[in-house]
């Protein structure tokens, strides 16, 4: 949840600061890492 929602917060806080590329690069890392954690949470839920 933290990783997959962080890009929206980064975008909102850095909006119009001329940092769009940095936001996208960081958000991409957050998104991929968030999907890893989501997959692990889903696997844990299935196991549970």
ModelCIF file with pLDDT and N, C-alpha, C, O atoms, coordinates in Angstrom:
data_MODEL
#
_entry.id   MODEL 
#
_entity.id                         1 
_entity.type                       polymer 
_entity.pdbx_number_of_molecules   1 
#
_entity_poly.entity_id                      1 
_entity_poly.type                           'polypeptide(L)' 
_entity_poly.nstd_linkage                   no 
_entity_poly.nstd_monomer                   no 
_entity_poly.pdbx_seq_one_letter_code       
;(UNK)(UNK)(UNK)(UNK)(UNK)(UNK)(UNK)(UNK)(UNK)(UNK)(UNK)(UNK)(UNK)(UNK)(UNK)(UNK)
(UNK)(UNK)(UNK)(UNK)(UNK)(UNK)(UNK)(UNK)(UNK)(UNK)(UNK)(UNK)(UNK)(UNK)(UNK)(UNK)
(UNK)(UNK)(UNK)(UNK)(UNK)(UNK)(UNK)(UNK)(UNK)(UNK)(UNK)(UNK)(UNK)(UNK)(UNK)(UNK)
;
_entity_poly.pdbx_seq_one_letter_code_can   XXXXXXXXXXXXXXXXXXXXXXXXXXXXXXXXXXXXXXXXXXXXXXXX 
_entity_poly.pdbx_strand_id                 A 
#
loop_
_entity_poly_seq.entity_id 
_entity_poly_seq.num 
_entity_poly_seq.mon_id 
_entity_poly_seq.hetero 
1 1  UNK n 
1 2  UNK n 
1 3  UNK n 
1 4  UNK n 
1 5  UNK n 
1 6  UNK n 
1 7  UNK n 
1 8  UNK n 
1 9  UNK n 
1 10 UNK n 
1 11 UNK n 
1 12 UNK n 
1 13 UNK n 
1 14 UNK n 
1 15 UNK n 
1 16 UNK n 
1 17 UNK n 
1 18 UNK n 
1 19 UNK n 
1 20 UNK n 
1 21 UNK n 
1 22 UNK n 
1 23 UNK n 
1 24 UNK n 
1 25 UNK n 
1 26 UNK n 
1 27 UNK n 
1 28 UNK n 
1 29 UNK n 
1 30 UNK n 
1 31 UNK n 
1 32 UNK n 
1 33 UNK n 
1 34 UNK n 
1 35 UNK n 
1 36 UNK n 
1 37 UNK n 
1 38 UNK n 
1 39 UNK n 
1 40 UNK n 
1 41 UNK n 
1 42 UNK n 
1 43 UNK n 
1 44 UNK n 
1 45 UNK n 
1 46 UNK n 
1 47 UNK n 
1 48 UNK n 
#
_struct_asym.id          A 
_struct_asym.entity_id   1 
#
loop_
_ma_qa_metric.id 
_ma_qa_metric.mode 
_ma_qa_metric.name 
_ma_qa_metric.software_group_id 
_ma_qa_metric.type 
1 global pLDDT . pLDDT 
2 local  pLDDT . pLDDT 
#
_ma_qa_metric_global.metric_id      1 
_ma_qa_metric_global.metric_value   90.85 
_ma_qa_metric_global.model_id       1 
_ma_qa_metric_global.ordinal_id     1 
#
loop_
_ma_qa_metric_local.label_asym_id 
_ma_qa_metric_local.label_comp_id 
_ma_qa_metric_local.label_seq_id 
_ma_qa_metric_local.metric_id 
_ma_qa_metric_local.metric_value 
_ma_qa_metric_local.model_id 
_ma_qa_metric_local.ordinal_id 
A UNK 1  2 94.00 1 1  
A UNK 2  2 94.00 1 2  
A UNK 3  2 95.00 1 3  
A UNK 4  2 93.00 1 4  
A UNK 5  2 91.00 1 5  
A UNK 6  2 92.00 1 6  
A UNK 7  2 89.00 1 7  
A UNK 8  2 86.00 1 8  
A UNK 9  2 88.00 1 9  
A UNK 10 2 86.00 1 10 
A UNK 11 2 81.00 1 11 
A UNK 12 2 84.00 1 12 
A UNK 13 2 86.00 1 13 
A UNK 14 2 84.00 1 14 
A UNK 15 2 77.00 1 15 
A UNK 16 2 78.00 1 16 
A UNK 17 2 81.00 1 17 
A UNK 18 2 78.00 1 18 
A UNK 19 2 80.00 1 19 
A UNK 20 2 83.00 1 20 
A UNK 21 2 87.00 1 21 
A UNK 22 2 89.00 1 22 
A UNK 23 2 87.00 1 23 
A UNK 24 2 88.00 1 24 
A UNK 25 2 91.00 1 25 
A UNK 26 2 92.00 1 26 
A UNK 27 2 92.00 1 27 
A UNK 28 2 93.00 1 28 
A UNK 29 2 95.00 1 29 
A UNK 30 2 95.00 1 30 
A UNK 31 2 94.00 1 31 
A UNK 32 2 95.00 1 32 
A UNK 33 2 96.00 1 33 
A UNK 34 2 95.00 1 34 
A UNK 35 2 95.00 1 35 
A UNK 36 2 97.00 1 36 
A UNK 37 2 97.00 1 37 
A UNK 38 2 96.00 1 38 
A UNK 39 2 96.00 1 39 
A UNK 40 2 97.00 1 40 
A UNK 41 2 97.00 1 41 
A UNK 42 2 96.00 1 42 
A UNK 43 2 97.00 1 43 
A UNK 44 2 97.00 1 44 
A UNK 45 2 97.00 1 45 
A UNK 46 2 97.00 1 46 
A UNK 47 2 97.00 1 47 
A UNK 48 2 96.00 1 48 
#
loop_
_atom_site.group_PDB 
_atom_site.id 
_atom_site.type_symbol 
_atom_site.label_atom_id 
_atom_site.label_alt_id 
_atom_site.label_comp_id 
_atom_site.label_asym_id 
_atom_site.label_entity_id 
_atom_site.label_seq_id 
_atom_site.pdbx_PDB_ins_code 
_atom_site.Cartn_x 
_atom_site.Cartn_y 
_atom_site.Cartn_z 
_atom_site.occupancy 
_atom_site.B_iso_or_equiv 
_atom_site.pdbx_formal_charge 
_atom_site.auth_seq_id 
_atom_site.auth_comp_id 
_atom_site.auth_asym_id 
_atom_site.auth_atom_id 
_atom_site.pdbx_PDB_model_num 
ATOM 1   N N  . UNK A 1 1  ? 0.844  -1.201  0.000   1.00 94.00 ? 1  UNK A N  1 
ATOM 2   C CA . UNK A 1 1  ? 0.000  0.000   0.000   1.00 94.00 ? 1  UNK A CA 1 
ATOM 3   C C  . UNK A 1 1  ? 0.879  1.251   0.000   1.00 94.00 ? 1  UNK A C  1 
ATOM 4   O O  . UNK A 1 1  ? 0.648  2.175   -0.780  1.00 94.00 ? 1  UNK A O  1 
ATOM 5   N N  . UNK A 1 2  ? 1.874  1.278   0.865   1.00 94.00 ? 2  UNK A N  1 
ATOM 6   C CA . UNK A 1 2  ? 2.753  2.450   0.960   1.00 94.00 ? 2  UNK A CA 1 
ATOM 7   C C  . UNK A 1 2  ? 3.477  2.707   -0.361  1.00 94.00 ? 2  UNK A C  1 
ATOM 8   O O  . UNK A 1 2  ? 3.538  3.844   -0.827  1.00 94.00 ? 2  UNK A O  1 
ATOM 9   N N  . UNK A 1 3  ? 4.018  1.662   -0.955  1.00 95.00 ? 3  UNK A N  1 
ATOM 10  C CA . UNK A 1 3  ? 4.783  1.824   -2.193  1.00 95.00 ? 3  UNK A CA 1 
ATOM 11  C C  . UNK A 1 3  ? 3.896  2.176   -3.386  1.00 95.00 ? 3  UNK A C  1 
ATOM 12  O O  . UNK A 1 3  ? 4.286  2.979   -4.233  1.00 95.00 ? 3  UNK A O  1 
ATOM 13  N N  . UNK A 1 4  ? 2.707  1.580   -3.456  1.00 93.00 ? 4  UNK A N  1 
ATOM 14  C CA . UNK A 1 4  ? 1.839  1.813   -4.611  1.00 93.00 ? 4  UNK A CA 1 
ATOM 15  C C  . UNK A 1 4  ? 1.095  3.147   -4.532  1.00 93.00 ? 4  UNK A C  1 
ATOM 16  O O  . UNK A 1 4  ? 0.616  3.649   -5.549  1.00 93.00 ? 4  UNK A O  1 
ATOM 17  N N  . UNK A 1 5  ? 0.997  3.719   -3.343  1.00 91.00 ? 5  UNK A N  1 
ATOM 18  C CA . UNK A 1 5  ? 0.353  5.029   -3.226  1.00 91.00 ? 5  UNK A CA 1 
ATOM 19  C C  . UNK A 1 5  ? 1.370  6.171   -3.173  1.00 91.00 ? 5  UNK A C  1 
ATOM 20  O O  . UNK A 1 5  ? 1.003  7.327   -3.380  1.00 91.00 ? 5  UNK A O  1 
ATOM 21  N N  . UNK A 1 6  ? 2.623  5.870   -2.903  1.00 92.00 ? 6  UNK A N  1 
ATOM 22  C CA . UNK A 1 6  ? 3.663  6.902   -2.819  1.00 92.00 ? 6  UNK A CA 1 
ATOM 23  C C  . UNK A 1 6  ? 3.795  7.747   -4.092  1.00 92.00 ? 6  UNK A C  1 
ATOM 24  O O  . UNK A 1 6  ? 3.982  8.959   -3.982  1.00 92.00 ? 6  UNK A O  1 
ATOM 25  N N  . UNK A 1 7  ? 3.706  7.164   -5.293  1.00 89.00 ? 7  UNK A N  1 
ATOM 26  C CA . UNK A 1 7  ? 3.849  8.012   -6.485  1.00 89.00 ? 7  UNK A CA 1 
ATOM 27  C C  . UNK A 1 7  ? 2.835  9.148   -6.566  1.00 89.00 ? 7  UNK A C  1 
ATOM 28  O O  . UNK A 1 7  ? 3.171  10.238  -7.031  1.00 89.00 ? 7  UNK A O  1 
ATOM 29  N N  . UNK A 1 8  ? 1.617  8.918   -6.129  1.00 86.00 ? 8  UNK A N  1 
ATOM 30  C CA . UNK A 1 8  ? 0.611  9.996   -6.148  1.00 86.00 ? 8  UNK A CA 1 
ATOM 31  C C  . UNK A 1 8  ? 1.022  11.114  -5.196  1.00 86.00 ? 8  UNK A C  1 
ATOM 32  O O  . UNK A 1 8  ? 0.867  12.292  -5.520  1.00 86.00 ? 8  UNK A O  1 
ATOM 33  N N  . UNK A 1 9  ? 1.535  10.762  -4.045  1.00 88.00 ? 9  UNK A N  1 
ATOM 34  C CA . UNK A 1 9  ? 1.986  11.763  -3.088  1.00 88.00 ? 9  UNK A CA 1 
ATOM 35  C C  . UNK A 1 9  ? 3.194  12.531  -3.629  1.00 88.00 ? 9  UNK A C  1 
ATOM 36  O O  . UNK A 1 9  ? 3.257  13.756  -3.527  1.00 88.00 ? 9  UNK A O  1 
ATOM 37  N N  . UNK A 1 10 ? 4.145  11.803  -4.202  1.00 86.00 ? 10 UNK A N  1 
ATOM 38  C CA . UNK A 1 10 ? 5.316  12.462  -4.788  1.00 86.00 ? 10 UNK A CA 1 
ATOM 39  C C  . UNK A 1 10 ? 4.884  13.435  -5.876  1.00 86.00 ? 10 UNK A C  1 
ATOM 40  O O  . UNK A 1 10 ? 5.365  14.566  -5.939  1.00 86.00 ? 10 UNK A O  1 
ATOM 41  N N  . UNK A 1 11 ? 3.974  12.986  -6.729  1.00 81.00 ? 11 UNK A N  1 
ATOM 42  C CA . UNK A 1 11 ? 3.510  13.851  -7.810  1.00 81.00 ? 11 UNK A CA 1 
ATOM 43  C C  . UNK A 1 11 ? 2.848  15.104  -7.243  1.00 81.00 ? 11 UNK A C  1 
ATOM 44  O O  . UNK A 1 11 ? 3.126  16.213  -7.698  1.00 81.00 ? 11 UNK A O  1 
ATOM 45  N N  . UNK A 1 12 ? 1.992  14.934  -6.271  1.00 84.00 ? 12 UNK A N  1 
ATOM 46  C CA . UNK A 1 12 ? 1.268  16.077  -5.716  1.00 84.00 ? 12 UNK A CA 1 
ATOM 47  C C  . UNK A 1 12 ? 2.220  17.037  -5.023  1.00 84.00 ? 12 UNK A C  1 
ATOM 48  O O  . UNK A 1 12 ? 2.089  18.249  -5.190  1.00 84.00 ? 12 UNK A O  1 
ATOM 49  N N  . UNK A 1 13 ? 3.179  16.530  -4.247  1.00 86.00 ? 13 UNK A N  1 
ATOM 50  C CA . UNK A 1 13 ? 4.088  17.403  -3.504  1.00 86.00 ? 13 UNK A CA 1 
ATOM 51  C C  . UNK A 1 13 ? 5.126  18.076  -4.396  1.00 86.00 ? 13 UNK A C  1 
ATOM 52  O O  . UNK A 1 13 ? 5.615  19.159  -4.077  1.00 86.00 ? 13 UNK A O  1 
ATOM 53  N N  . UNK A 1 14 ? 5.461  17.438  -5.509  1.00 84.00 ? 14 UNK A N  1 
ATOM 54  C CA . UNK A 1 14 ? 6.487  17.997  -6.399  1.00 84.00 ? 14 UNK A CA 1 
ATOM 55  C C  . UNK A 1 14 ? 5.887  18.558  -7.684  1.00 84.00 ? 14 UNK A C  1 
ATOM 56  O O  . UNK A 1 14 ? 6.609  18.883  -8.627  1.00 84.00 ? 14 UNK A O  1 
ATOM 57  N N  . UNK A 1 15 ? 4.569  18.669  -7.714  1.00 77.00 ? 15 UNK A N  1 
ATOM 58  C CA . UNK A 1 15 ? 3.851  19.180  -8.880  1.00 77.00 ? 15 UNK A CA 1 
ATOM 59  C C  . UNK A 1 15 ? 4.373  20.567  -9.247  1.00 77.00 ? 15 UNK A C  1 
ATOM 60  O O  . UNK A 1 15 ? 4.548  21.422  -8.378  1.00 77.00 ? 15 UNK A O  1 
ATOM 61  N N  . UNK A 1 16 ? 4.618  20.782  -10.519 1.00 78.00 ? 16 UNK A N  1 
ATOM 62  C CA . UNK A 1 16 ? 5.083  22.057  -11.074 1.00 78.00 ? 16 UNK A CA 1 
ATOM 63  C C  . UNK A 1 16 ? 6.434  22.517  -10.519 1.00 78.00 ? 16 UNK A C  1 
ATOM 64  O O  . UNK A 1 16 ? 6.704  23.715  -10.430 1.00 78.00 ? 16 UNK A O  1 
ATOM 65  N N  . UNK A 1 17 ? 7.262  21.569  -10.154 1.00 81.00 ? 17 UNK A N  1 
ATOM 66  C CA . UNK A 1 17 ? 8.610  21.900  -9.700  1.00 81.00 ? 17 UNK A CA 1 
ATOM 67  C C  . UNK A 1 17 ? 9.650  21.583  -10.773 1.00 81.00 ? 17 UNK A C  1 
ATOM 68  O O  . UNK A 1 17 ? 10.852 21.678  -10.522 1.00 81.00 ? 17 UNK A O  1 
ATOM 69  N N  . UNK A 1 18 ? 9.190  21.207  -11.968 1.00 78.00 ? 18 UNK A N  1 
ATOM 70  C CA . UNK A 1 18 ? 10.112 20.865  -13.049 1.00 78.00 ? 18 UNK A CA 1 
ATOM 71  C C  . UNK A 1 18 ? 10.836 19.558  -12.814 1.00 78.00 ? 18 UNK A C  1 
ATOM 72  O O  . UNK A 1 18 ? 11.944 19.356  -13.310 1.00 78.00 ? 18 UNK A O  1 
ATOM 73  N N  . UNK A 1 19 ? 10.205 18.658  -12.051 1.00 80.00 ? 19 UNK A N  1 
ATOM 74  C CA . UNK A 1 19 ? 10.852 17.396  -11.682 1.00 80.00 ? 19 UNK A CA 1 
ATOM 75  C C  . UNK A 1 19 ? 10.106 16.176  -12.220 1.00 80.00 ? 19 UNK A C  1 
ATOM 76  O O  . UNK A 1 19 ? 10.186 15.091  -11.644 1.00 80.00 ? 19 UNK A O  1 
ATOM 77  N N  . UNK A 1 20 ? 9.387  16.356  -13.315 1.00 83.00 ? 20 UNK A N  1 
ATOM 78  C CA . UNK A 1 20 ? 8.551  15.268  -13.832 1.00 83.00 ? 20 UNK A CA 1 
ATOM 79  C C  . UNK A 1 20 ? 9.366  13.998  -14.106 1.00 83.00 ? 20 UNK A C  1 
ATOM 80  O O  . UNK A 1 20 ? 8.923  12.906  -13.750 1.00 83.00 ? 20 UNK A O  1 
ATOM 81  N N  . UNK A 1 21 ? 10.528 14.112  -14.719 1.00 87.00 ? 21 UNK A N  1 
ATOM 82  C CA . UNK A 1 21 ? 11.348 12.931  -15.015 1.00 87.00 ? 21 UNK A CA 1 
ATOM 83  C C  . UNK A 1 21 ? 11.768 12.223  -13.731 1.00 87.00 ? 21 UNK A C  1 
ATOM 84  O O  . UNK A 1 21 ? 11.713 10.996  -13.651 1.00 87.00 ? 21 UNK A O  1 
ATOM 85  N N  . UNK A 1 22 ? 12.186 12.988  -12.731 1.00 89.00 ? 22 UNK A N  1 
ATOM 86  C CA . UNK A 1 22 ? 12.590 12.393  -11.458 1.00 89.00 ? 22 UNK A CA 1 
ATOM 87  C C  . UNK A 1 22 ? 11.400 11.714  -10.774 1.00 89.00 ? 22 UNK A C  1 
ATOM 88  O O  . UNK A 1 22 ? 11.543 10.642  -10.186 1.00 89.00 ? 22 UNK A O  1 
ATOM 89  N N  . UNK A 1 23 ? 10.248 12.335  -10.855 1.00 87.00 ? 23 UNK A N  1 
ATOM 90  C CA . UNK A 1 23 ? 9.040  11.746  -10.270 1.00 87.00 ? 23 UNK A CA 1 
ATOM 91  C C  . UNK A 1 23 ? 8.733  10.420  -10.954 1.00 87.00 ? 23 UNK A C  1 
ATOM 92  O O  . UNK A 1 23 ? 8.437  9.430   -10.286 1.00 87.00 ? 23 UNK A O  1 
ATOM 93  N N  . UNK A 1 24 ? 8.802  10.395  -12.284 1.00 88.00 ? 24 UNK A N  1 
ATOM 94  C CA . UNK A 1 24 ? 8.505  9.169   -13.034 1.00 88.00 ? 24 UNK A CA 1 
ATOM 95  C C  . UNK A 1 24 ? 9.513  8.081   -12.711 1.00 88.00 ? 24 UNK A C  1 
ATOM 96  O O  . UNK A 1 24 ? 9.132  6.931   -12.492 1.00 88.00 ? 24 UNK A O  1 
ATOM 97  N N  . UNK A 1 25 ? 10.787 8.424   -12.677 1.00 91.00 ? 25 UNK A N  1 
ATOM 98  C CA . UNK A 1 25 ? 11.819 7.427   -12.371 1.00 91.00 ? 25 UNK A CA 1 
ATOM 99  C C  . UNK A 1 25 ? 11.621 6.836   -10.978 1.00 91.00 ? 25 UNK A C  1 
ATOM 100 O O  . UNK A 1 25 ? 11.697 5.620   -10.798 1.00 91.00 ? 25 UNK A O  1 
ATOM 101 N N  . UNK A 1 26 ? 11.367 7.692   -9.998  1.00 92.00 ? 26 UNK A N  1 
ATOM 102 C CA . UNK A 1 26 ? 11.150 7.231   -8.627  1.00 92.00 ? 26 UNK A CA 1 
ATOM 103 C C  . UNK A 1 26 ? 9.857  6.436   -8.526  1.00 92.00 ? 26 UNK A C  1 
ATOM 104 O O  . UNK A 1 26 ? 9.822  5.377   -7.898  1.00 92.00 ? 26 UNK A O  1 
ATOM 105 N N  . UNK A 1 27 ? 8.797  6.943   -9.143  1.00 92.00 ? 27 UNK A N  1 
ATOM 106 C CA . UNK A 1 27 ? 7.501  6.255   -9.103  1.00 92.00 ? 27 UNK A CA 1 
ATOM 107 C C  . UNK A 1 27 ? 7.586  4.886   -9.746  1.00 92.00 ? 27 UNK A C  1 
ATOM 108 O O  . UNK A 1 27 ? 6.933  3.949   -9.287  1.00 92.00 ? 27 UNK A O  1 
ATOM 109 N N  . UNK A 1 28 ? 8.377  4.750   -10.798 1.00 93.00 ? 28 UNK A N  1 
ATOM 110 C CA . UNK A 1 28 ? 8.543  3.458   -11.445 1.00 93.00 ? 28 UNK A CA 1 
ATOM 111 C C  . UNK A 1 28 ? 9.179  2.447   -10.482 1.00 93.00 ? 28 UNK A C  1 
ATOM 112 O O  . UNK A 1 28 ? 8.745  1.298   -10.403 1.00 93.00 ? 28 UNK A O  1 
ATOM 113 N N  . UNK A 1 29 ? 10.198 2.882   -9.763  1.00 95.00 ? 29 UNK A N  1 
ATOM 114 C CA . UNK A 1 29 ? 10.837 1.998   -8.773  1.00 95.00 ? 29 UNK A CA 1 
ATOM 115 C C  . UNK A 1 29 ? 9.827  1.632   -7.680  1.00 95.00 ? 29 UNK A C  1 
ATOM 116 O O  . UNK A 1 29 ? 9.723  0.467   -7.294  1.00 95.00 ? 29 UNK A O  1 
ATOM 117 N N  . UNK A 1 30 ? 9.089  2.621   -7.186  1.00 95.00 ? 30 UNK A N  1 
ATOM 118 C CA . UNK A 1 30 ? 8.062  2.353   -6.175  1.00 95.00 ? 30 UNK A CA 1 
ATOM 119 C C  . UNK A 1 30 ? 7.024  1.364   -6.699  1.00 95.00 ? 30 UNK A C  1 
ATOM 120 O O  . UNK A 1 30 ? 6.630  0.442   -5.985  1.00 95.00 ? 30 UNK A O  1 
ATOM 121 N N  . UNK A 1 31 ? 6.583  1.550   -7.935  1.00 94.00 ? 31 UNK A N  1 
ATOM 122 C CA . UNK A 1 31 ? 5.548  0.692   -8.501  1.00 94.00 ? 31 UNK A CA 1 
ATOM 123 C C  . UNK A 1 31 ? 6.023  -0.753  -8.627  1.00 94.00 ? 31 UNK A C  1 
ATOM 124 O O  . UNK A 1 31 ? 5.310  -1.682  -8.247  1.00 94.00 ? 31 UNK A O  1 
ATOM 125 N N  . UNK A 1 32 ? 7.216  -0.936  -9.155  1.00 95.00 ? 32 UNK A N  1 
ATOM 126 C CA . UNK A 1 32 ? 7.733  -2.304  -9.307  1.00 95.00 ? 32 UNK A CA 1 
ATOM 127 C C  . UNK A 1 32 ? 7.952  -2.954  -7.952  1.00 95.00 ? 32 UNK A C  1 
ATOM 128 O O  . UNK A 1 32 ? 7.590  -4.113  -7.749  1.00 95.00 ? 32 UNK A O  1 
ATOM 129 N N  . UNK A 1 33 ? 8.544  -2.211  -7.023  1.00 96.00 ? 33 UNK A N  1 
ATOM 130 C CA . UNK A 1 33 ? 8.764  -2.754  -5.680  1.00 96.00 ? 33 UNK A CA 1 
ATOM 131 C C  . UNK A 1 33 ? 7.426  -3.033  -4.994  1.00 96.00 ? 33 UNK A C  1 
ATOM 132 O O  . UNK A 1 33 ? 7.274  -4.045  -4.310  1.00 96.00 ? 33 UNK A O  1 
ATOM 133 N N  . UNK A 1 34 ? 6.466  -2.139  -5.180  1.00 95.00 ? 34 UNK A N  1 
ATOM 134 C CA . UNK A 1 34 ? 5.132  -2.349  -4.618  1.00 95.00 ? 34 UNK A CA 1 
ATOM 135 C C  . UNK A 1 34 ? 4.468  -3.591  -5.169  1.00 95.00 ? 34 UNK A C  1 
ATOM 136 O O  . UNK A 1 34 ? 3.784  -4.306  -4.437  1.00 95.00 ? 34 UNK A O  1 
ATOM 137 N N  . UNK A 1 35 ? 4.661  -3.861  -6.456  1.00 95.00 ? 35 UNK A N  1 
ATOM 138 C CA . UNK A 1 35 ? 4.089  -5.075  -7.044  1.00 95.00 ? 35 UNK A CA 1 
ATOM 139 C C  . UNK A 1 35 ? 4.759  -6.327  -6.477  1.00 95.00 ? 35 UNK A C  1 
ATOM 140 O O  . UNK A 1 35 ? 4.102  -7.354  -6.303  1.00 95.00 ? 35 UNK A O  1 
ATOM 141 N N  . UNK A 1 36 ? 6.058  -6.251  -6.188  1.00 97.00 ? 36 UNK A N  1 
ATOM 142 C CA . UNK A 1 36 ? 6.736  -7.379  -5.539  1.00 97.00 ? 36 UNK A CA 1 
ATOM 143 C C  . UNK A 1 36 ? 6.104  -7.632  -4.166  1.00 97.00 ? 36 UNK A C  1 
ATOM 144 O O  . UNK A 1 36 ? 5.786  -8.771  -3.824  1.00 97.00 ? 36 UNK A O  1 
ATOM 145 N N  . UNK A 1 37 ? 5.927  -6.572  -3.393  1.00 97.00 ? 37 UNK A N  1 
ATOM 146 C CA . UNK A 1 37 ? 5.326  -6.731  -2.066  1.00 97.00 ? 37 UNK A CA 1 
ATOM 147 C C  . UNK A 1 37 ? 3.873  -7.192  -2.159  1.00 97.00 ? 37 UNK A C  1 
ATOM 148 O O  . UNK A 1 37 ? 3.418  -7.981  -1.331  1.00 97.00 ? 37 UNK A O  1 
ATOM 149 N N  . UNK A 1 38 ? 3.149  -6.705  -3.160  1.00 96.00 ? 38 UNK A N  1 
ATOM 150 C CA . UNK A 1 38 ? 1.768  -7.152  -3.347  1.00 96.00 ? 38 UNK A CA 1 
ATOM 151 C C  . UNK A 1 38 ? 1.735  -8.631  -3.706  1.00 96.00 ? 38 UNK A C  1 
ATOM 152 O O  . UNK A 1 38 ? 0.907  -9.377  -3.183  1.00 96.00 ? 38 UNK A O  1 
ATOM 153 N N  . UNK A 1 39 ? 2.625  -9.060  -4.590  1.00 96.00 ? 39 UNK A N  1 
ATOM 154 C CA . UNK A 1 39 ? 2.680  -10.484 -4.938  1.00 96.00 ? 39 UNK A CA 1 
ATOM 155 C C  . UNK A 1 39 ? 2.983  -11.328 -3.703  1.00 96.00 ? 39 UNK A C  1 
ATOM 156 O O  . UNK A 1 39 ? 2.354  -12.364 -3.485  1.00 96.00 ? 39 UNK A O  1 
ATOM 157 N N  . UNK A 1 40 ? 3.945  -10.886 -2.897  1.00 97.00 ? 40 UNK A N  1 
ATOM 158 C CA . UNK A 1 40 ? 4.275  -11.624 -1.674  1.00 97.00 ? 40 UNK A CA 1 
ATOM 159 C C  . UNK A 1 40 ? 3.099  -11.645 -0.699  1.00 97.00 ? 40 UNK A C  1 
ATOM 160 O O  . UNK A 1 40 ? 2.849  -12.661 -0.051  1.00 97.00 ? 40 UNK A O  1 
ATOM 161 N N  . UNK A 1 41 ? 2.380  -10.532 -0.594  1.00 97.00 ? 41 UNK A N  1 
ATOM 162 C CA . UNK A 1 41 ? 1.199  -10.493 0.274   1.00 97.00 ? 41 UNK A CA 1 
ATOM 163 C C  . UNK A 1 41 ? 0.106  -11.422 -0.246  1.00 97.00 ? 41 UNK A C  1 
ATOM 164 O O  . UNK A 1 41 ? -0.574 -12.079 0.543   1.00 97.00 ? 41 UNK A O  1 
ATOM 165 N N  . UNK A 1 42 ? -0.069 -11.482 -1.553  1.00 96.00 ? 42 UNK A N  1 
ATOM 166 C CA . UNK A 1 42 ? -1.062 -12.393 -2.125  1.00 96.00 ? 42 UNK A CA 1 
ATOM 167 C C  . UNK A 1 42 ? -0.668 -13.845 -1.875  1.00 96.00 ? 42 UNK A C  1 
ATOM 168 O O  . UNK A 1 42 ? -1.514 -14.668 -1.525  1.00 96.00 ? 42 UNK A O  1 
ATOM 169 N N  . UNK A 1 43 ? 0.597  -14.155 -2.052  1.00 97.00 ? 43 UNK A N  1 
ATOM 170 C CA . UNK A 1 43 ? 1.086  -15.508 -1.796  1.00 97.00 ? 43 UNK A CA 1 
ATOM 171 C C  . UNK A 1 43 ? 0.881  -15.858 -0.322  1.00 97.00 ? 43 UNK A C  1 
ATOM 172 O O  . UNK A 1 43 ? 0.432  -16.957 0.005   1.00 97.00 ? 43 UNK A O  1 
ATOM 173 N N  . UNK A 1 44 ? 1.213  -14.915 0.565   1.00 97.00 ? 44 UNK A N  1 
ATOM 174 C CA . UNK A 1 44 ? 0.993  -15.141 2.000   1.00 97.00 ? 44 UNK A CA 1 
ATOM 175 C C  . UNK A 1 44 ? -0.470 -15.353 2.323   1.00 97.00 ? 44 UNK A C  1 
ATOM 176 O O  . UNK A 1 44 ? -0.805 -16.187 3.164   1.00 97.00 ? 44 UNK A O  1 
ATOM 177 N N  . UNK A 1 45 ? -1.345 -14.611 1.670   1.00 97.00 ? 45 UNK A N  1 
ATOM 178 C CA . UNK A 1 45 ? -2.783 -14.756 1.902   1.00 97.00 ? 45 UNK A CA 1 
ATOM 179 C C  . UNK A 1 45 ? -3.267 -16.120 1.430   1.00 97.00 ? 45 UNK A C  1 
ATOM 180 O O  . UNK A 1 45 ? -4.043 -16.780 2.122   1.00 97.00 ? 45 UNK A O  1 
ATOM 181 N N  . UNK A 1 46 ? -2.814 -16.543 0.258   1.00 97.00 ? 46 UNK A N  1 
ATOM 182 C CA . UNK A 1 46 ? -3.191 -17.863 -0.260  1.00 97.00 ? 46 UNK A CA 1 
ATOM 183 C C  . UNK A 1 46 ? -2.698 -18.951 0.693   1.00 97.00 ? 46 UNK A C  1 
ATOM 184 O O  . UNK A 1 46 ? -3.431 -19.893 0.995   1.00 97.00 ? 46 UNK A O  1 
ATOM 185 N N  . UNK A 1 47 ? -1.465 -18.824 1.164   1.00 97.00 ? 47 UNK A N  1 
ATOM 186 C CA . UNK A 1 47 ? -0.914 -19.789 2.116   1.00 97.00 ? 47 UNK A CA 1 
ATOM 187 C C  . UNK A 1 47 ? -1.708 -19.763 3.421   1.00 97.00 ? 47 UNK A C  1 
ATOM 188 O O  . UNK A 1 47 ? -2.020 -20.812 3.985   1.00 97.00 ? 47 UNK A O  1 
ATOM 189 N N  . UNK A 1 48 ? -2.027 -18.581 3.890   1.00 96.00 ? 48 UNK A N  1 
ATOM 190 C CA . UNK A 1 48 ? -2.804 -18.439 5.122   1.00 96.00 ? 48 UNK A CA 1 
ATOM 191 C C  . UNK A 1 48 ? -4.168 -19.125 4.993   1.00 96.00 ? 48 UNK A C  1 
ATOM 192 O O  . UNK A 1 48 ? -4.959 -19.108 5.936   1.00 96.00 ? 48 UNK A O  1 
#
